[in-house]
C-alpha atoms as a PDB file:
ATOM      1  CA  MET A   1       0.000   0.000   0.000  1.00  0.00           C
ATOM      2  CA  ARG A   2       1.252   3.477  -0.888  1.00  0.00           C
ATOM      3  CA  TRP A   3       0.100   6.908   0.168  1.00  0.00           C
ATOM      4  CA  TYR A   4       0.878  10.576  -0.263  1.00  0.00           C
ATOM      5  CA  ARG A   5       0.219  12.994   2.598  1.00  0.00           C
ATOM      6  CA  ARG A   6      -0.636  16.665   2.352  1.00  0.00           C
ATOM      7  CA  GLU A   7      -2.127  19.305   4.642  1.00  0.00           C
ATOM      8  CA  VAL A   8      -5.036  21.187   3.085  1.00  0.00           C
ATOM      9  CA  THR A   9      -6.684  24.380   4.344  1.00  0.00           C
ATOM     10  CA  LEU A  10     -10.436  24.463   3.767  1.00  0.00           C
ATOM     11  CA  GLY A  11     -12.517  27.628   3.577  1.00  0.00           C
ATOM     12  CA  ASP A  12     -11.591  31.213   2.734  1.00  0.00           C
ATOM     13  CA  LEU A  13      -7.835  31.761   2.959  1.00  0.00           C
ATOM     14  CA  GLU A  14      -8.400  35.369   4.066  1.00  0.00           C
ATOM     15  CA  GLU A  15     -10.288  34.109   7.076  1.00  0.00           C
ATOM     16  CA  GLU A  16      -9.353  31.366   9.473  1.00  0.00           C
ATOM     17  CA  GLY A  17      -9.763  28.149   7.505  1.00  0.00           C
ATOM     18  CA  ARG A  18      -9.827  24.610   8.854  1.00  0.00           C
ATOM     19  CA  THR A  19      -6.676  22.603   8.182  1.00  0.00           C
ATOM     20  CA  GLU A  20      -6.924  18.886   7.501  1.00  0.00           C
ATOM     21  CA  ARG A  21      -4.458  16.146   6.694  1.00  0.00           C
ATOM     22  CA  TRP A  22      -5.388  14.367   3.473  1.00  0.00           C
ATOM     23  CA  VAL A  23      -3.885  11.015   2.598  1.00  0.00           C
ATOM     24  CA  VAL A  24      -4.117   9.746  -0.982  1.00  0.00           C
ATOM     25  CA  VAL A  25      -4.027   5.948  -0.813  1.00  0.00           C
ATOM     26  CA  SER A  26      -3.391   3.365  -3.524  1.00  0.00           C
ATOM     27  CA  SER A  27      -2.087  -0.177  -3.748  1.00  0.00           C
ATOM     28  CA  GLN A  28      -0.872  -2.649  -6.351  1.00  0.00           C
ATOM     29  CA  ALA A  29      -4.082  -4.661  -6.055  1.00  0.00           C
ATOM     30  CA  SER A  30      -6.324  -1.598  -6.464  1.00  0.00           C
ATOM     31  CA  GLU A  31      -4.336  -0.473  -9.519  1.00  0.00           C
ATOM     32  CA  GLU A  32      -4.696  -3.899 -11.122  1.00  0.00           C
ATOM     33  CA  ARG A  33      -8.449  -3.875 -10.484  1.00  0.00           C
ATOM     34  CA  ALA A  34      -8.795  -0.333 -11.834  1.00  0.00           C
ATOM     35  CA  GLU A  35      -6.812  -1.168 -14.965  1.00  0.00           C
ATOM     36  CA  LYS A  36      -8.881  -4.291 -15.635  1.00  0.00           C
ATOM     37  CA  THR A  37     -12.148  -2.373 -15.167  1.00  0.00           C
ATOM     38  CA  LEU A  38     -11.013   0.489 -17.384  1.00  0.00           C
ATOM     39  CA  ARG A  39      -9.854  -1.899 -20.141  1.00  0.00           C
ATOM     40  CA  ARG A  40     -13.296  -3.518 -20.212  1.00  0.00           C
ATOM     41  CA  LYS A  41     -14.949  -0.120 -20.382  1.00  0.00           C
ATOM     42  CA  MET A  42     -12.602   1.004 -23.160  1.00  0.00           C
ATOM     43  CA  GLU A  43     -13.497  -2.008 -25.301  1.00  0.00           C
ATOM     44  CA  LYS A  44     -17.201  -1.174 -25.112  1.00  0.00           C
ATOM     45  CA  GLU A  45     -16.622   2.530 -25.722  1.00  0.00           C
ATOM     46  CA  ARG A  46     -14.289   1.827 -28.629  1.00  0.00           C
ATOM     47  CA  GLU A  47     -17.023  -0.023 -30.514  1.00  0.00           C
ATOM     48  CA  ARG A  48     -19.387   2.914 -30.019  1.00  0.00           C
ATOM     49  CA  TRP A  49     -16.876   5.538 -31.164  1.00  0.00           C
ATOM     50  CA  GLU A  50     -15.860   3.510 -34.211  1.00  0.00           C
ATOM     51  CA  ILE A  51     -19.528   3.524 -35.272  1.00  0.00           C
ATOM     52  CA  VAL A  52     -19.505   7.322 -34.911  1.00  0.00           C
ATOM     53  CA  LEU A  53     -16.394   7.600 -37.094  1.00  0.00           C
ATOM     54  CA  ARG A  54     -17.843   5.292 -39.763  1.00  0.00           C
ATOM     55  CA  ALA A  55     -21.008   7.387 -39.872  1.00  0.00           C
ATOM     56  CA  LEU A  56     -18.860  10.502 -40.211  1.00  0.00           C
ATOM     57  CA  ALA A  57     -16.856   8.930 -43.051  1.00  0.00           C
ATOM     58  CA  SER A  58     -20.057   8.344 -45.047  1.00  0.00           C
ATOM     59  CA  ARG A  59     -20.955  12.058 -45.030  1.00  0.00           C
ATOM     60  CA  LYS A  60     -20.025  14.583 -47.728  1.00  0.00           C
ATOM     61  CA  PHE A  61     -18.972  18.132 -46.915  1.00  0.00           C
ATOM     62  CA  ALA A  62     -18.908  21.194 -49.114  1.00  0.00           C
ATOM     63  CA  CYS A  63     -15.666  22.565 -47.680  1.00  0.00           C
ATOM     64  CA  GLU A  64     -12.763  21.654 -45.429  1.00  0.00           C
ATOM     65  CA  THR A  65     -14.037  23.939 -42.654  1.00  0.00           C
ATOM     66  CA  ASP A  66     -17.364  22.099 -42.506  1.00  0.00           C
ATOM     67  CA  ALA A  67     -15.593  18.733 -42.392  1.00  0.00           C
ATOM     68  CA  ARG A  68     -13.272  19.748 -39.555  1.00  0.00           C
ATOM     69  CA  GLY A  69     -16.164  21.345 -37.681  1.00  0.00           C
ATOM     70  CA  ALA A  70     -18.222  18.145 -37.911  1.00  0.00           C
ATOM     71  CA  LEU A  71     -15.250  16.092 -36.706  1.00  0.00           C
ATOM     72  CA  ALA A  72     -14.722  18.407 -33.713  1.00  0.00           C
ATOM     73  CA  GLU A  73     -18.433  18.353 -32.864  1.00  0.00           C
ATOM     74  CA  ARG A  74     -18.827  14.570 -33.012  1.00  0.00           C
ATOM     75  CA  THR A  75     -15.643  13.874 -31.012  1.00  0.00           C
ATOM     76  CA  GLU A  76     -16.209  16.623 -28.437  1.00  0.00           C
ATOM     77  CA  ARG A  77     -16.993  14.053 -25.719  1.00  0.00           C
ATOM     78  CA  LEU A  78     -14.304  11.584 -26.729  1.00  0.00           C
ATOM     79  CA  PRO A  79     -12.685  10.182 -23.542  1.00  0.00           C
ATOM     80  CA  ALA A  80      -9.178  11.459 -22.856  1.00  0.00           C
ATOM     81  CA  TYR A  81      -7.665   7.983 -23.217  1.00  0.00           C
ATOM     82  CA  PHE A  82      -8.760   7.818 -26.895  1.00  0.00           C
ATOM     83  CA  GLU A  83      -7.326   9.795 -29.781  1.00  0.00           C
ATOM     84  CA  VAL A  84      -8.478  10.151 -33.369  1.00  0.00           C
ATOM     85  CA  GLU A  85      -6.108  10.432 -36.296  1.00  0.00           C
ATOM     86  CA  ALA A  86      -8.127  12.022 -39.087  1.00  0.00           C
ATOM     87  CA  SER A  87      -7.331  12.580 -42.747  1.00  0.00           C
ATOM     88  CA  LEU A  88      -9.377  14.736 -45.129  1.00  0.00           C
ATOM     89  CA  THR A  89      -9.688  14.016 -48.833  1.00  0.00           C
ATOM     90  CA  ALA A  90     -11.041  16.387 -51.469  1.00  0.00           C
ATOM     91  CA  THR A  91     -12.770  15.011 -54.571  1.00  0.00           C
ATOM     92  CA  PRO A  92     -13.613  17.405 -57.435  1.00  0.00           C
ATOM     93  CA  ARG A  93     -17.034  17.260 -59.066  1.00  0.00           C
ATOM     94  CA  TYR A  94     -17.611  18.355 -62.687  1.00  0.00           C
ATOM     95  CA  ALA A  95     -20.765  19.517 -64.390  1.00  0.00           C
ATOM     96  CA  GLY A  96     -22.206  17.264 -67.063  1.00  0.00           C
ATOM     97  CA  ARG A  97     -21.824  13.580 -67.703  1.00  0.00           C
ATOM     98  CA  GLY A  98     -18.804  11.515 -68.626  1.00  0.00           C
ATOM     99  CA  ARG A  99     -15.123  12.369 -68.411  1.00  0.00           C
ATOM    100  CA  PRO A 100     -14.402  16.072 -67.914  1.00  0.00           C
ATOM    101  CA  LYS A 101     -12.803  17.976 -70.753  1.00  0.00           C
ATOM    102  CA  LYS A 102      -9.161  18.937 -70.635  1.00  0.00           C
ATOM    103  CA  GLY A 103      -8.753  22.106 -68.618  1.00  0.00           C
ATOM    104  CA  GLN A 104     -12.343  22.047 -67.372  1.00  0.00           C
ATOM    105  CA  GLU A 105     -12.727  23.591 -63.914  1.00  0.00           C
ATOM    106  CA  PRO A 106     -14.601  21.530 -61.299  1.00  0.00           C
ATOM    107  CA  SER A 107     -18.019  22.847 -60.366  1.00  0.00           C
ATOM    108  CA  ALA A 108     -17.675  21.722 -56.737  1.00  0.00           C
ATOM    109  CA  THR A 109     -15.361  19.906 -54.346  1.00  0.00           C
ATOM    110  CA  ILE A 110     -16.582  17.186 -52.024  1.00  0.00           C
ATOM    111  CA  TRP A 111     -14.720  16.663 -48.729  1.00  0.00           C
ATOM    112  CA  ARG A 112     -14.676  13.430 -46.768  1.00  0.00           C
ATOM    113  CA  ILE A 113     -13.206  12.435 -43.413  1.00  0.00           C
ATOM    114  CA  GLU A 114     -11.394   9.205 -42.614  1.00  0.00           C
ATOM    115  CA  GLY A 115     -10.848   8.794 -38.887  1.00  0.00           C
ATOM    116  CA  THR A 116      -8.849   6.119 -37.089  1.00  0.00           C
ATOM    117  CA  LEU A 117      -9.426   5.554 -33.382  1.00  0.00           C
ATOM    118  CA  SER A 118      -6.549   4.481 -31.129  1.00  0.00           C
ATOM    119  CA  VAL A 119      -5.771   4.281 -27.414  1.00  0.00           C
ATOM    120  CA  ALA A 120      -3.463   6.865 -25.881  1.00  0.00           C
ATOM    121  CA  GLU A 121      -1.708   4.444 -23.540  1.00  0.00           C
ATOM    122  CA  GLU A 122      -0.003   7.100 -21.461  1.00  0.00           C
ATOM    123  CA  ARG A 123      -3.275   8.912 -20.740  1.00  0.00           C
ATOM    124  CA  ALA A 124      -5.049   5.583 -20.157  1.00  0.00           C
ATOM    125  CA  GLU A 125      -2.438   4.652 -17.546  1.00  0.00           C
ATOM    126  CA  ARG A 126      -2.885   7.995 -15.785  1.00  0.00           C
ATOM    127  CA  GLU A 127      -6.633   7.408 -15.746  1.00  0.00           C
ATOM    128  CA  TRP A 128      -6.596   3.946 -14.173  1.00  0.00           C
ATOM    129  CA  ARG A 129      -3.945   4.995 -11.673  1.00  0.00           C
ATOM    130  CA  ARG A 130      -6.180   7.928 -10.714  1.00  0.00           C
ATOM    131  CA  ARG A 131      -9.193   5.637 -10.339  1.00  0.00           C
ATOM    132  CA  ALA A 132      -7.185   3.292  -8.105  1.00  0.00           C
ATOM    133  CA  CYS A 133      -6.680   6.070  -5.524  1.00  0.00           C
ATOM    134  CA  TYR A 134      -8.945   7.330  -2.789  1.00  0.00           C
ATOM    135  CA  ILE A 135      -8.572  10.143  -0.268  1.00  0.00           C
ATOM    136  CA  VAL A 136      -8.916   9.852   3.502  1.00  0.00           C
ATOM    137  CA  GLY A 137      -9.026  13.086   5.486  1.00  0.00           C
ATOM    138  CA  THR A 138      -8.612  13.850   9.176  1.00  0.00           C
ATOM    139  CA  ASN A 139      -8.323  16.929  11.378  1.00  0.00           C
ATOM    140  CA  VAL A 140      -5.643  15.149  13.439  1.00  0.00           C
ATOM    141  CA  LEU A 141      -2.573  16.756  11.905  1.00  0.00           C
ATOM    142  CA  ASP A 142       0.098  15.041  14.007  1.00  0.00           C
ATOM    143  CA  PRO A 143       1.111  11.626  12.551  1.00  0.00           C
ATOM    144  CA  GLU A 144       2.490  10.695  15.958  1.00  0.00           C
ATOM    145  CA  ILE A 145      -1.055  10.752  17.344  1.00  0.00           C
ATOM    146  CA  LEU A 146      -2.708   9.136  14.329  1.00  0.00           C
ATOM    147  CA  SER A 147      -0.422   7.552  11.758  1.00  0.00           C
ATOM    148  CA  GLU A 148      -1.317   6.989   8.115  1.00  0.00           C
ATOM    149  CA  GLU A 149      -1.640   3.234   8.755  1.00  0.00           C
ATOM    150  CA  GLU A 150      -4.078   3.809  11.631  1.00  0.00           C
ATOM    151  CA  LEU A 151      -6.050   6.370   9.636  1.00  0.00           C
ATOM    152  CA  VAL A 152      -6.508   4.007   6.679  1.00  0.00           C
ATOM    153  CA  ALA A 153      -7.356   1.084   8.980  1.00  0.00           C
ATOM    154  CA  THR A 154      -9.985   3.199  10.766  1.00  0.00           C
ATOM    155  CA  TYR A 155     -11.483   4.244   7.439  1.00  0.00           C
ATOM    156  CA  LYS A 156     -11.692   0.649   6.212  1.00  0.00           C
ATOM    157  CA  GLY A 157     -13.156  -0.484   9.536  1.00  0.00           C
ATOM    158  CA  GLN A 158     -16.224   1.724   9.170  1.00  0.00           C
ATOM    159  CA  GLY A 159     -17.723  -0.906   6.861  1.00  0.00           C
ATOM    160  CA  SER A 160     -18.530  -3.085   9.848  1.00  0.00           C
ATOM    161  CA  VAL A 161     -20.206  -0.099  11.555  1.00  0.00           C
ATOM    162  CA  GLU A 162     -22.344   0.537   8.484  1.00  0.00           C
ATOM    163  CA  LYS A 163     -23.326  -3.129   8.404  1.00  0.00           C
ATOM    164  CA  GLY A 164     -24.389  -2.803  12.023  1.00  0.00           C
ATOM    165  CA  PHE A 165     -26.724   0.078  11.288  1.00  0.00           C
ATOM    166  CA  ARG A 166     -28.070  -1.881   8.341  1.00  0.00           C
ATOM    167  CA  PHE A 167     -28.962  -4.542  10.897  1.00  0.00           C
ATOM    168  CA  LEU A 168     -30.970  -1.950  12.843  1.00  0.00           C
ATOM    169  CA  LYS A 169     -33.034  -1.246   9.700  1.00  0.00           C
ATOM    170  CA  ASP A 170     -33.761  -4.914   9.147  1.00  0.00           C
ATOM    171  CA  PRO A 171     -37.482  -5.824   9.386  1.00  0.00           C
ATOM    172  CA  LEU A 172     -36.593  -8.541  11.923  1.00  0.00           C
ATOM    173  CA  PHE A 173     -35.478  -5.812  14.327  1.00  0.00           C
ATOM    174  CA  LEU A 174     -39.107  -4.548  14.311  1.00  0.00           C
ATOM    175  CA  ALA A 175     -38.078  -0.912  14.739  1.00  0.00           C
ATOM    176  CA  SER A 176     -40.717   0.129  12.189  1.00  0.00           C
ATOM    177  CA  SER A 177     -43.444  -1.316  14.433  1.00  0.00           C
ATOM    178  CA  VAL A 178     -42.652   1.228  17.176  1.00  0.00           C
ATOM    179  CA  PHE A 179     -44.277   4.615  16.585  1.00  0.00           C
ATOM    180  CA  VAL A 180     -43.119   7.604  18.577  1.00  0.00           C
ATOM    181  CA  LYS A 181     -43.991  11.242  17.996  1.00  0.00           C
ATOM    182  CA  ARG A 182     -42.283  13.267  20.686  1.00  0.00           C
ATOM    183  CA  PRO A 183     -38.601  14.120  19.982  1.00  0.00           C
ATOM    184  CA  GLU A 184     -37.390  12.911  23.386  1.00  0.00           C
ATOM    185  CA  ARG A 185     -39.028   9.522  22.823  1.00  0.00           C
ATOM    186  CA  LEU A 186     -37.444   9.306  19.392  1.00  0.00           C
ATOM    187  CA  VAL A 187     -34.034   9.984  20.955  1.00  0.00           C
ATOM    188  CA  ALA A 188     -34.738   7.322  23.607  1.00  0.00           C
ATOM    189  CA  LEU A 189     -35.690   4.790  20.917  1.00  0.00           C
ATOM    190  CA  GLY A 190     -32.502   5.561  19.000  1.00  0.00           C
ATOM    191  CA  PHE A 191     -30.484   5.076  22.186  1.00  0.00           C
ATOM    192  CA  VAL A 192     -32.111   1.699  22.861  1.00  0.00           C
ATOM    193  CA  MET A 193     -31.426   0.606  19.277  1.00  0.00           C
ATOM    194  CA  VAL A 194     -27.753   1.562  19.517  1.00  0.00           C
ATOM    195  CA  VAL A 195     -27.414  -0.276  22.852  1.00  0.00           C
ATOM    196  CA  CYS A 196     -28.972  -3.346  21.221  1.00  0.00           C
ATOM    197  CA  LEU A 197     -26.474  -3.058  18.392  1.00  0.00           C
ATOM    198  CA  LEU A 198     -23.627  -2.774  20.910  1.00  0.00           C
ATOM    199  CA  VAL A 199     -24.735  -5.952  22.691  1.00  0.00           C
ATOM    200  CA  TYR A 200     -25.164  -7.712  19.349  1.00  0.00           C
ATOM    201  CA  ARG A 201     -21.650  -6.788  18.168  1.00  0.00           C
ATOM    202  CA  LEU A 202     -20.011  -7.644  21.502  1.00  0.00           C
ATOM    203  CA  ALA A 203     -21.652 -11.081  21.540  1.00  0.00           C
ATOM    204  CA  GLU A 204     -20.648 -11.714  17.922  1.00  0.00           C
ATOM    205  CA  HIS A 205     -17.061 -10.619  18.592  1.00  0.00           C
ATOM    206  CA  ARG A 206     -16.826 -12.813  21.698  1.00  0.00           C
ATOM    207  CA  LEU A 207     -18.193 -15.884  19.923  1.00  0.00           C
ATOM    208  CA  ARG A 208     -15.906 -15.469  16.906  1.00  0.00           C
ATOM    209  CA  THR A 209     -12.895 -14.913  19.160  1.00  0.00           C
ATOM    210  CA  ARG A 210     -13.611 -18.025  21.219  1.00  0.00           C
ATOM    211  CA  LEU A 211     -14.171 -20.124  18.088  1.00  0.00           C
ATOM    212  CA  SER A 212     -10.823 -18.947  16.736  1.00  0.00           C
ATOM    213  CA  GLU A 213      -8.998 -19.553  20.016  1.00  0.00           C
ATOM    214  CA  THR A 214     -10.375 -23.068  20.469  1.00  0.00           C
ATOM    215  CA  GLY A 215     -10.244 -24.082  16.798  1.00  0.00           C
ATOM    216  CA  GLN A 216     -13.939 -24.970  16.821  1.00  0.00           C
ATOM    217  CA  SER A 217     -16.761 -24.179  14.405  1.00  0.00           C
ATOM    218  CA  ILE A 218     -20.529 -24.248  14.169  1.00  0.00           C
ATOM    219  CA  PRO A 219     -22.705 -25.033  11.139  1.00  0.00           C
ATOM    220  CA  ASN A 220     -23.749 -22.118   8.963  1.00  0.00           C
ATOM    221  CA  GLN A 221     -27.034 -21.692   7.103  1.00  0.00           C
ATOM    222  CA  VAL A 222     -26.184 -24.447   4.591  1.00  0.00           C
ATOM    223  CA  GLY A 223     -24.720 -26.818   7.168  1.00  0.00           C
ATOM    224  CA  LYS A 224     -21.043 -26.119   6.465  1.00  0.00           C
ATOM    225  CA  PRO A 225     -18.651 -25.364   9.364  1.00  0.00           C
ATOM    226  CA  THR A 226     -17.812 -21.718   9.989  1.00  0.00           C
ATOM    227  CA  ALA A 227     -15.745 -19.901  12.595  1.00  0.00           C
ATOM    228  CA  ARG A 228     -17.197 -16.490  11.716  1.00  0.00           C
ATOM    229  CA  PRO A 229     -20.968 -16.782  12.227  1.00  0.00           C
ATOM    230  CA  THR A 230     -23.196 -13.734  12.423  1.00  0.00           C
ATOM    231  CA  MET A 231     -25.135 -13.238  15.630  1.00  0.00           C
ATOM    232  CA  ARG A 232     -28.289 -13.043  13.579  1.00  0.00           C
ATOM    233  CA  TRP A 233     -27.744 -16.644  12.464  1.00  0.00           C
ATOM    234  CA  VAL A 234     -27.031 -17.673  16.068  1.00  0.00           C
ATOM    235  CA  PHE A 235     -30.314 -16.098  17.144  1.00  0.00           C
ATOM    236  CA  GLN A 236     -32.078 -18.095  14.452  1.00  0.00           C
ATOM    237  CA  LEU A 237     -30.384 -21.272  15.702  1.00  0.00           C
ATOM    238  CA  PHE A 238     -31.873 -20.660  19.132  1.00  0.00           C
ATOM    239  CA  GLU A 239     -35.408 -20.223  17.836  1.00  0.00           C
ATOM    240  CA  GLY A 240     -37.805 -22.821  19.236  1.00  0.00           C
ATOM    241  CA  ILE A 241     -36.023 -23.273  22.571  1.00  0.00           C
ATOM    242  CA  GLU A 242     -38.499 -22.884  25.423  1.00  0.00           C
ATOM    243  CA  LEU A 243     -38.421 -22.812  29.214  1.00  0.00           C
ATOM    244  CA  LEU A 244     -40.789 -25.181  30.979  1.00  0.00           C
ATOM    245  CA  ILE A 245     -41.607 -24.358  34.620  1.00  0.00           C
ATOM    246  CA  ILE A 246     -43.233 -27.105  36.688  1.00  0.00           C
ATOM    247  CA  ARG A 247     -44.833 -26.000  39.929  1.00  0.00           C
ATOM    248  CA  SER A 248     -45.966 -28.292  42.705  1.00  0.00           C
ATOM    249  CA  PRO A 249     -47.160 -27.596  46.255  1.00  0.00           C
ATOM    250  CA  THR A 250     -43.647 -28.231  47.557  1.00  0.00           C
ATOM    251  CA  SER A 251     -41.294 -27.228  44.764  1.00  0.00           C
ATOM    252  CA  VAL A 252     -40.705 -25.450  41.489  1.00  0.00           C
ATOM    253  CA  SER A 253     -38.550 -27.009  38.766  1.00  0.00           C
ATOM    254  CA  ARG A 254     -37.306 -25.596  35.455  1.00  0.00           C
ATOM    255  CA  ARG A 255     -36.437 -27.386  32.238  1.00  0.00           C
ATOM    256  CA  VAL A 256     -34.983 -25.975  29.018  1.00  0.00           C
ATOM    257  CA  LEU A 257     -36.600 -27.769  26.098  1.00  0.00           C
ATOM    258  CA  ARG A 258     -35.146 -28.646  22.676  1.00  0.00           C
ATOM    259  CA  LEU A 259     -31.567 -27.724  23.575  1.00  0.00           C
ATOM    260  CA  LYS A 260     -29.188 -29.453  21.140  1.00  0.00           C
ATOM    261  CA  PRO A 261     -25.415 -30.099  21.321  1.00  0.00           C
ATOM    262  CA  VAL A 262     -24.702 -27.155  18.965  1.00  0.00           C
ATOM    263  CA  HIS A 263     -26.570 -24.851  21.353  1.00  0.00           C
ATOM    264  CA  GLU A 264     -24.591 -26.148  24.329  1.00  0.00           C
ATOM    265  CA  ARG A 265     -21.326 -25.645  22.419  1.00  0.00           C
ATOM    266  CA  ILE A 266     -22.219 -22.016  21.670  1.00  0.00           C
ATOM    267  CA  LEU A 267     -23.237 -21.330  25.273  1.00  0.00           C
ATOM    268  CA  ARG A 268     -19.995 -22.819  26.629  1.00  0.00           C
ATOM    269  CA  LEU A 269     -18.013 -20.613  24.229  1.00  0.00           C
ATOM    270  CA  LEU A 270     -19.917 -17.521  25.343  1.00  0.00           C
ATOM    271  CA  GLY A 271     -19.157 -18.212  29.000  1.00  0.00           C
ATOM    272  CA  PRO A 272     -20.531 -19.281  32.407  1.00  0.00           C
ATOM    273  CA  THR A 273     -23.211 -16.579  32.565  1.00  0.00           C
ATOM    274  CA  PHE A 274     -24.880 -17.914  29.423  1.00  0.00           C
ATOM    275  CA  GLN A 275     -24.476 -21.507  30.608  1.00  0.00           C
ATOM    276  CA  LYS A 276     -26.223 -20.644  33.851  1.00  0.00           C
ATOM    277  CA  ILE A 277     -29.181 -19.036  32.058  1.00  0.00           C
ATOM    278  CA  TYR A 278     -29.730 -22.155  29.964  1.00  0.00           C
ATOM    279  CA  GLU A 279     -28.629 -24.571  32.711  1.00  0.00           C
ATOM    280  CA  VAL A 280     -25.798 -26.047  30.638  1.00  0.00           C
ATOM    281  CA  PRO A 281     -23.174 -27.931  32.694  1.00  0.00           C
ATOM    282  CA  ASN A 282     -19.467 -27.259  32.196  1.00  0.00           C
END
């Protein structure tokens, strides 16, 4: 991974602007992906622009100015990584039929355009290298406090946060079934949702860590072993488990129904507190 660092002042320079540290990041892998994507796009665009040039070659123009103007107009939006090599030919036209007489002046001149499309490799390389880069900005100017490596890692780690908030929007979370009107209740609901997400992520992190440490796995949705299950899938695994309470005049007993070995394995990995809730022995 490579990066280039620069401090940028935002806002009006005459006033007090905000200074940020911008890091332009690229890597060998991202450049290879960008080049491959751009090459595919260029192939499709090349076919389209060659059709434009063939249509232009079939037209007749009364003068060289008209021909060059039409070429400039039709190639105005030509991507920078393409270039057109054009040649103009003038063909005289004579009045009357048959071969023109010796010394006869042509009555008109017809101009045609022949255009050849090619790839400007140097500009194409600049383009895919540009597309392979992205910018990460921070107001922490001191690299000793926040290094470039930490900044990039933090930026890439926000994907898991976004996935978490996507979980909050899931219909299974049932947030849409709760209607609140007053602002303070809306804030309270948001707080409860974020706390739920925190518990969800902590449980998922703990389970994945314990699976990795012990070299164990649990079946995923298609029955294959995985050491990185989502907590949502674990919740689904525990669906159908019920608590049966039997009361008699002298005692009260509890039984957890439909608990399978995979459930006991998960509870042991999560720890004694969870084992106690489900009455799973060590």
